[in-house]
N, C-alpha and C. Protein backbone atom coordinates (compact mmCIF):
# COMPACT_ATOMS: atom_id res chain seq x y z
N MET A 1 15.87 -35.92 -71.82
CA MET A 1 16.66 -36.48 -73.23
C MET A 1 17.26 -37.61 -72.63
N PHE A 2 17.84 -37.66 -71.57
CA PHE A 2 18.61 -38.87 -70.73
C PHE A 2 17.46 -39.97 -70.78
N LEU A 3 16.58 -39.33 -69.78
CA LEU A 3 15.66 -40.45 -69.67
C LEU A 3 14.81 -41.15 -70.77
N LEU A 4 14.74 -40.42 -72.03
CA LEU A 4 14.21 -40.96 -73.26
C LEU A 4 15.26 -41.98 -73.79
N TYR A 5 16.35 -41.70 -73.79
CA TYR A 5 17.28 -42.74 -74.36
C TYR A 5 17.50 -44.00 -73.46
N THR A 6 17.45 -43.62 -72.12
CA THR A 6 17.57 -44.90 -71.25
C THR A 6 16.39 -45.76 -71.28
N LEU A 7 15.17 -45.03 -71.67
CA LEU A 7 13.95 -46.02 -71.87
C LEU A 7 13.98 -46.72 -73.14
N LEU A 8 14.34 -45.87 -74.31
CA LEU A 8 14.67 -46.85 -75.62
C LEU A 8 15.49 -47.72 -75.56
N PHE A 9 16.52 -47.60 -75.11
CA PHE A 9 17.70 -48.73 -74.37
C PHE A 9 17.13 -49.87 -74.10
N SER A 10 16.38 -49.45 -72.90
CA SER A 10 15.50 -50.48 -71.89
C SER A 10 14.94 -51.60 -72.95
N ILE A 11 13.81 -50.80 -73.47
CA ILE A 11 13.01 -51.39 -74.38
C ILE A 11 13.90 -52.09 -75.57
N ALA A 12 14.63 -52.12 -76.13
CA ALA A 12 15.45 -52.62 -77.21
C ALA A 12 16.18 -53.86 -76.33
N VAL A 13 16.60 -53.86 -75.48
CA VAL A 13 17.37 -54.81 -74.62
C VAL A 13 16.49 -55.72 -74.35
N THR A 14 15.33 -55.23 -73.79
CA THR A 14 14.11 -56.27 -73.38
C THR A 14 13.73 -57.31 -74.79
N ALA A 15 13.50 -56.57 -75.86
CA ALA A 15 13.01 -57.08 -76.92
C ALA A 15 13.77 -58.09 -77.29
N THR A 16 15.07 -57.60 -77.51
CA THR A 16 16.21 -58.62 -78.00
C THR A 16 16.41 -59.65 -76.97
N GLU A 17 16.34 -59.40 -75.64
CA GLU A 17 16.10 -60.81 -74.70
C GLU A 17 15.03 -61.89 -75.09
N SER A 18 13.91 -61.22 -75.19
CA SER A 18 12.71 -61.72 -75.56
C SER A 18 12.75 -62.71 -76.95
N VAL A 19 13.49 -62.22 -78.06
CA VAL A 19 13.86 -63.03 -79.07
C VAL A 19 14.55 -63.91 -78.70
N THR A 20 15.86 -63.44 -78.36
CA THR A 20 16.55 -64.77 -77.87
C THR A 20 16.03 -66.13 -77.35
N GLU A 21 15.31 -65.67 -76.12
CA GLU A 21 14.73 -66.53 -75.64
C GLU A 21 13.68 -67.67 -76.39
N THR A 22 13.11 -66.86 -77.24
CA THR A 22 12.01 -67.35 -78.08
C THR A 22 12.73 -68.40 -79.13
N GLN A 23 14.01 -67.95 -79.70
CA GLN A 23 14.97 -68.64 -80.60
C GLN A 23 15.31 -70.05 -79.86
N PHE A 24 15.78 -69.62 -78.81
CA PHE A 24 16.59 -70.61 -77.75
C PHE A 24 15.46 -71.91 -77.65
N THR A 25 14.25 -71.53 -77.09
CA THR A 25 13.04 -72.26 -76.94
C THR A 25 12.84 -73.08 -78.16
N GLN A 26 12.59 -72.38 -79.76
CA GLN A 26 11.87 -72.97 -80.51
C GLN A 26 13.24 -73.99 -80.90
N GLY A 27 14.44 -73.73 -81.07
CA GLY A 27 15.41 -74.71 -81.32
C GLY A 27 15.80 -75.81 -80.52
N LYS A 28 15.37 -75.63 -79.15
CA LYS A 28 15.54 -76.67 -78.35
C LYS A 28 14.32 -77.67 -78.69
N GLU A 29 12.97 -77.33 -79.18
CA GLU A 29 11.79 -78.03 -79.54
C GLU A 29 12.29 -78.61 -80.76
N LYS A 30 13.00 -78.17 -81.89
CA LYS A 30 13.32 -78.50 -83.40
C LYS A 30 14.37 -79.74 -82.94
N SER A 31 15.41 -79.41 -82.00
CA SER A 31 16.45 -80.39 -82.04
C SER A 31 16.43 -81.56 -81.02
N VAL A 32 15.03 -81.78 -80.67
CA VAL A 32 14.78 -83.08 -80.02
C VAL A 32 15.27 -84.33 -80.73
N VAL A 33 15.04 -84.67 -82.24
CA VAL A 33 15.35 -85.69 -82.96
C VAL A 33 16.69 -85.57 -82.77
N CYS A 34 17.51 -84.49 -83.06
CA CYS A 34 19.06 -84.58 -83.04
C CYS A 34 19.24 -85.32 -81.94
N MET A 35 19.01 -85.04 -80.80
CA MET A 35 19.38 -85.76 -79.68
C MET A 35 19.49 -87.12 -79.35
N THR A 36 18.94 -87.83 -80.50
CA THR A 36 18.57 -89.16 -80.22
C THR A 36 20.24 -89.59 -80.63
N CYS A 37 20.87 -89.53 -81.41
CA CYS A 37 22.34 -89.39 -81.98
C CYS A 37 23.37 -88.66 -81.40
N HIS A 38 22.90 -87.19 -81.28
CA HIS A 38 24.31 -86.41 -80.94
C HIS A 38 24.05 -86.32 -79.13
N GLY A 39 23.16 -87.14 -78.69
CA GLY A 39 22.94 -86.60 -77.26
C GLY A 39 22.34 -85.49 -76.42
N VAL A 40 21.80 -85.72 -75.26
CA VAL A 40 21.36 -84.44 -74.59
C VAL A 40 22.02 -83.50 -74.53
N ASP A 41 21.66 -82.15 -74.96
CA ASP A 41 22.15 -81.01 -75.23
C ASP A 41 23.45 -80.75 -76.21
N GLY A 42 23.23 -82.03 -77.05
CA GLY A 42 24.31 -82.12 -78.19
C GLY A 42 25.84 -82.73 -77.41
N ILE A 43 25.74 -83.16 -76.45
CA ILE A 43 26.81 -84.01 -75.89
C ILE A 43 26.48 -85.47 -76.55
N SER A 44 27.24 -86.11 -77.35
CA SER A 44 27.17 -87.31 -77.57
C SER A 44 27.88 -88.28 -77.02
N THR A 45 27.08 -89.71 -76.69
CA THR A 45 27.77 -90.30 -75.86
C THR A 45 28.23 -91.83 -77.14
N ILE A 46 28.00 -91.44 -78.24
CA ILE A 46 28.38 -92.43 -79.00
C ILE A 46 29.54 -91.84 -80.13
N ASP A 47 30.53 -92.66 -80.08
CA ASP A 47 32.04 -92.29 -80.67
C ASP A 47 32.03 -91.81 -81.92
N THR A 48 30.90 -92.26 -82.92
CA THR A 48 31.03 -91.96 -84.51
C THR A 48 30.09 -90.70 -84.75
N TYR A 49 29.35 -90.12 -83.59
CA TYR A 49 28.49 -88.88 -83.88
C TYR A 49 29.10 -87.81 -83.20
N PRO A 50 29.39 -86.57 -83.81
CA PRO A 50 29.98 -85.58 -83.28
C PRO A 50 29.11 -84.82 -82.32
N ASN A 51 29.63 -84.11 -81.35
CA ASN A 51 29.12 -83.24 -80.27
C ASN A 51 28.79 -81.93 -81.05
N LEU A 52 27.42 -81.39 -80.87
CA LEU A 52 26.80 -80.32 -81.22
C LEU A 52 27.11 -79.21 -80.37
N GLN A 53 27.01 -79.55 -79.10
CA GLN A 53 26.90 -78.22 -78.33
C GLN A 53 28.12 -77.28 -78.64
N GLY A 54 27.99 -75.94 -78.55
CA GLY A 54 28.87 -74.91 -78.63
C GLY A 54 29.51 -74.86 -79.97
N GLN A 55 29.00 -75.54 -81.11
CA GLN A 55 29.03 -75.31 -82.31
C GLN A 55 28.80 -73.68 -82.87
N LYS A 56 29.84 -73.54 -83.99
CA LYS A 56 29.53 -72.21 -84.38
C LYS A 56 28.24 -72.29 -85.22
N GLN A 57 27.05 -71.07 -85.50
CA GLN A 57 26.12 -70.91 -85.80
C GLN A 57 26.08 -71.16 -87.27
N ALA A 58 27.07 -70.40 -88.27
CA ALA A 58 27.08 -70.41 -89.39
C ALA A 58 27.55 -71.63 -90.10
N TYR A 59 28.68 -72.06 -89.35
CA TYR A 59 29.29 -73.60 -89.75
C TYR A 59 28.04 -74.52 -89.48
N PHE A 60 27.40 -74.44 -88.60
CA PHE A 60 26.27 -75.74 -88.22
C PHE A 60 25.33 -75.49 -89.62
N VAL A 61 24.62 -74.23 -89.79
CA VAL A 61 23.69 -73.93 -90.84
C VAL A 61 24.16 -74.59 -92.19
N ALA A 62 25.54 -74.05 -92.43
CA ALA A 62 26.30 -74.44 -93.70
C ALA A 62 26.02 -76.04 -93.84
N ALA A 63 26.66 -76.79 -92.62
CA ALA A 63 26.73 -78.07 -92.85
C ALA A 63 25.09 -78.85 -93.21
N LEU A 64 24.06 -78.30 -92.35
CA LEU A 64 22.85 -78.70 -92.55
C LEU A 64 22.42 -78.61 -93.76
N LYS A 65 22.90 -77.45 -94.64
CA LYS A 65 22.41 -77.06 -96.00
C LYS A 65 23.12 -77.99 -97.20
N ALA A 66 24.00 -78.20 -96.75
CA ALA A 66 25.03 -79.07 -97.41
C ALA A 66 24.46 -80.50 -97.49
N TYR A 67 23.89 -81.22 -96.29
CA TYR A 67 23.39 -82.24 -96.31
C TYR A 67 22.35 -82.42 -97.05
N LYS A 68 21.53 -81.19 -96.94
CA LYS A 68 20.16 -81.35 -97.44
C LYS A 68 20.54 -81.23 -99.23
N LEU A 69 21.42 -80.41 -99.61
CA LEU A 69 21.90 -80.42 -101.01
C LEU A 69 22.58 -81.66 -101.32
N ARG A 70 22.86 -82.61 -100.57
CA ARG A 70 23.79 -84.03 -100.97
C ARG A 70 25.33 -83.64 -101.55
N GLN A 71 25.67 -82.46 -100.72
CA GLN A 71 26.88 -81.97 -100.99
C GLN A 71 27.73 -82.96 -99.82
N ARG A 72 27.32 -83.63 -98.87
CA ARG A 72 28.05 -84.00 -97.90
C ARG A 72 27.53 -85.67 -98.08
N ASN A 73 28.73 -86.54 -98.40
CA ASN A 73 28.01 -88.03 -98.64
C ASN A 73 28.77 -88.76 -97.97
N ASP A 74 30.22 -88.52 -97.25
CA ASP A 74 30.76 -89.54 -96.49
C ASP A 74 30.11 -89.90 -95.12
N GLY A 75 31.27 -90.89 -94.68
CA GLY A 75 30.50 -91.77 -93.32
C GLY A 75 29.20 -92.11 -93.20
N LEU A 76 28.46 -91.46 -92.10
CA LEU A 76 27.05 -91.73 -91.93
C LEU A 76 25.89 -90.48 -92.54
N ALA A 77 26.66 -90.03 -93.70
CA ALA A 77 25.98 -88.57 -94.13
C ALA A 77 24.75 -89.00 -94.80
N ILE A 78 24.05 -90.16 -95.07
CA ILE A 78 22.95 -90.67 -95.46
C ILE A 78 21.87 -90.63 -94.54
N LEU A 79 22.27 -90.64 -93.32
CA LEU A 79 21.24 -90.52 -92.20
C LEU A 79 20.90 -88.80 -92.01
N MET A 80 21.93 -88.58 -92.12
CA MET A 80 21.79 -86.88 -91.91
C MET A 80 20.64 -86.46 -93.25
N HIS A 81 20.93 -86.63 -94.23
CA HIS A 81 19.84 -86.43 -95.71
C HIS A 81 18.66 -86.32 -95.36
N ALA A 82 17.97 -87.34 -94.62
CA ALA A 82 16.77 -87.53 -94.53
C ALA A 82 16.58 -86.44 -93.35
N GLN A 83 17.30 -86.30 -92.54
CA GLN A 83 16.97 -84.98 -91.25
C GLN A 83 17.10 -83.84 -92.02
N ALA A 84 17.99 -83.31 -92.93
CA ALA A 84 18.10 -82.04 -93.08
C ALA A 84 17.02 -81.60 -94.41
N ASP A 85 16.39 -82.68 -95.06
CA ASP A 85 15.31 -82.57 -95.97
C ASP A 85 14.01 -82.03 -95.52
N VAL A 86 13.66 -82.25 -94.15
CA VAL A 86 12.59 -81.59 -93.65
C VAL A 86 12.67 -80.26 -93.04
N LEU A 87 13.95 -79.84 -92.91
CA LEU A 87 14.25 -78.50 -92.01
C LEU A 87 14.16 -77.44 -92.99
N SER A 88 13.47 -76.38 -92.74
CA SER A 88 13.53 -75.05 -93.22
C SER A 88 14.72 -74.15 -92.85
N ASP A 89 15.01 -73.14 -93.53
CA ASP A 89 16.10 -72.37 -93.36
C ASP A 89 15.92 -71.91 -91.95
N LYS A 90 14.74 -71.56 -91.62
CA LYS A 90 14.09 -70.89 -90.02
C LYS A 90 14.73 -71.96 -89.16
N ASP A 91 14.37 -73.51 -89.29
CA ASP A 91 14.48 -74.53 -88.71
C ASP A 91 16.14 -74.64 -88.21
N MET A 92 16.77 -74.34 -89.39
CA MET A 92 18.45 -74.58 -89.30
C MET A 92 18.80 -73.62 -88.44
N HIS A 93 18.43 -72.34 -88.56
CA HIS A 93 19.09 -71.55 -87.75
C HIS A 93 18.61 -71.33 -86.22
N ASP A 94 17.36 -71.77 -85.88
CA ASP A 94 16.91 -72.18 -84.64
C ASP A 94 17.65 -73.10 -84.19
N ILE A 95 17.67 -74.10 -84.65
CA ILE A 95 18.48 -75.29 -84.12
C ILE A 95 19.96 -75.08 -83.63
N ALA A 96 20.40 -74.50 -84.65
CA ALA A 96 22.24 -74.09 -84.68
C ALA A 96 22.02 -72.70 -83.45
N PHE A 97 21.30 -71.94 -83.40
CA PHE A 97 21.18 -71.13 -82.32
C PHE A 97 21.26 -71.73 -80.90
N TYR A 98 20.30 -72.57 -80.99
CA TYR A 98 20.37 -73.60 -79.40
C TYR A 98 21.60 -74.30 -79.25
N PHE A 99 21.84 -74.94 -80.16
CA PHE A 99 23.30 -75.89 -79.62
C PHE A 99 24.59 -75.10 -79.62
N ASN A 100 24.64 -73.78 -80.28
CA ASN A 100 25.49 -73.03 -79.64
C ASN A 100 25.39 -72.41 -78.38
N GLN A 101 24.05 -72.07 -77.87
CA GLN A 101 23.88 -71.39 -76.81
C GLN A 101 23.98 -72.30 -75.30
N VAL A 102 23.12 -73.78 -76.15
CA VAL A 102 23.14 -74.62 -74.44
C VAL A 102 24.13 -74.94 -73.93
N LYS A 103 24.28 -75.17 -72.78
CA LYS A 103 25.32 -75.36 -71.81
C LYS A 103 25.01 -76.61 -70.92
N SER A 104 25.53 -77.55 -70.73
CA SER A 104 25.09 -78.67 -69.99
C SER A 104 25.56 -78.53 -68.78
N ALA A 105 24.96 -79.00 -67.73
CA ALA A 105 25.19 -79.04 -66.32
C ALA A 105 26.41 -79.88 -65.95
N PRO A 106 27.27 -79.52 -65.13
CA PRO A 106 28.53 -80.21 -64.90
C PRO A 106 27.89 -81.62 -64.24
N PRO A 107 28.96 -82.71 -64.65
CA PRO A 107 28.28 -84.11 -64.05
C PRO A 107 28.44 -84.11 -62.30
N LYS A 108 27.51 -84.47 -61.80
CA LYS A 108 27.28 -84.42 -60.16
C LYS A 108 28.60 -85.23 -59.71
N SER A 109 29.00 -84.82 -58.64
CA SER A 109 29.93 -85.53 -57.95
C SER A 109 29.54 -86.70 -56.85
N ASP A 110 30.22 -87.73 -56.78
CA ASP A 110 29.40 -88.85 -55.88
C ASP A 110 30.06 -88.73 -54.42
N ASP A 111 30.40 -87.31 -54.18
CA ASP A 111 30.79 -87.04 -52.86
C ASP A 111 29.70 -87.58 -51.68
C-alpha cells in the first residue's frame, strides 16, 4: 500500500512539474512583446515603465484585464490598451505566471 501511495505521489509531482514548465515556457513566449518596454525578464531600464519580474499573479492578471476594459487610463495606459486587447485570459495567466517565476541572473562582476 505504501508503494502505491509513493507511486501516485510521484506521478502527481511529475505531472505538476510538467504543467509548471509548460506554463513558464508559454508565458515566456507570449511575453516577448512585453520585454520591449518592461525589459528582459521584466526588469525595466526605462524609468517610466514598471518592473514586472516577481509581480503577484492575481494583481498582474487584474491589471491586464483592467487595461483591456479601459478601466486604467492614466499615464501611458493607452499603450497597454492595445497590448491587452489581443490577450486571452489564458495568455494573461501564462504571462503573469512567467513574470512571477522568472529570476534574472545577477550582474557579472568586472573582477
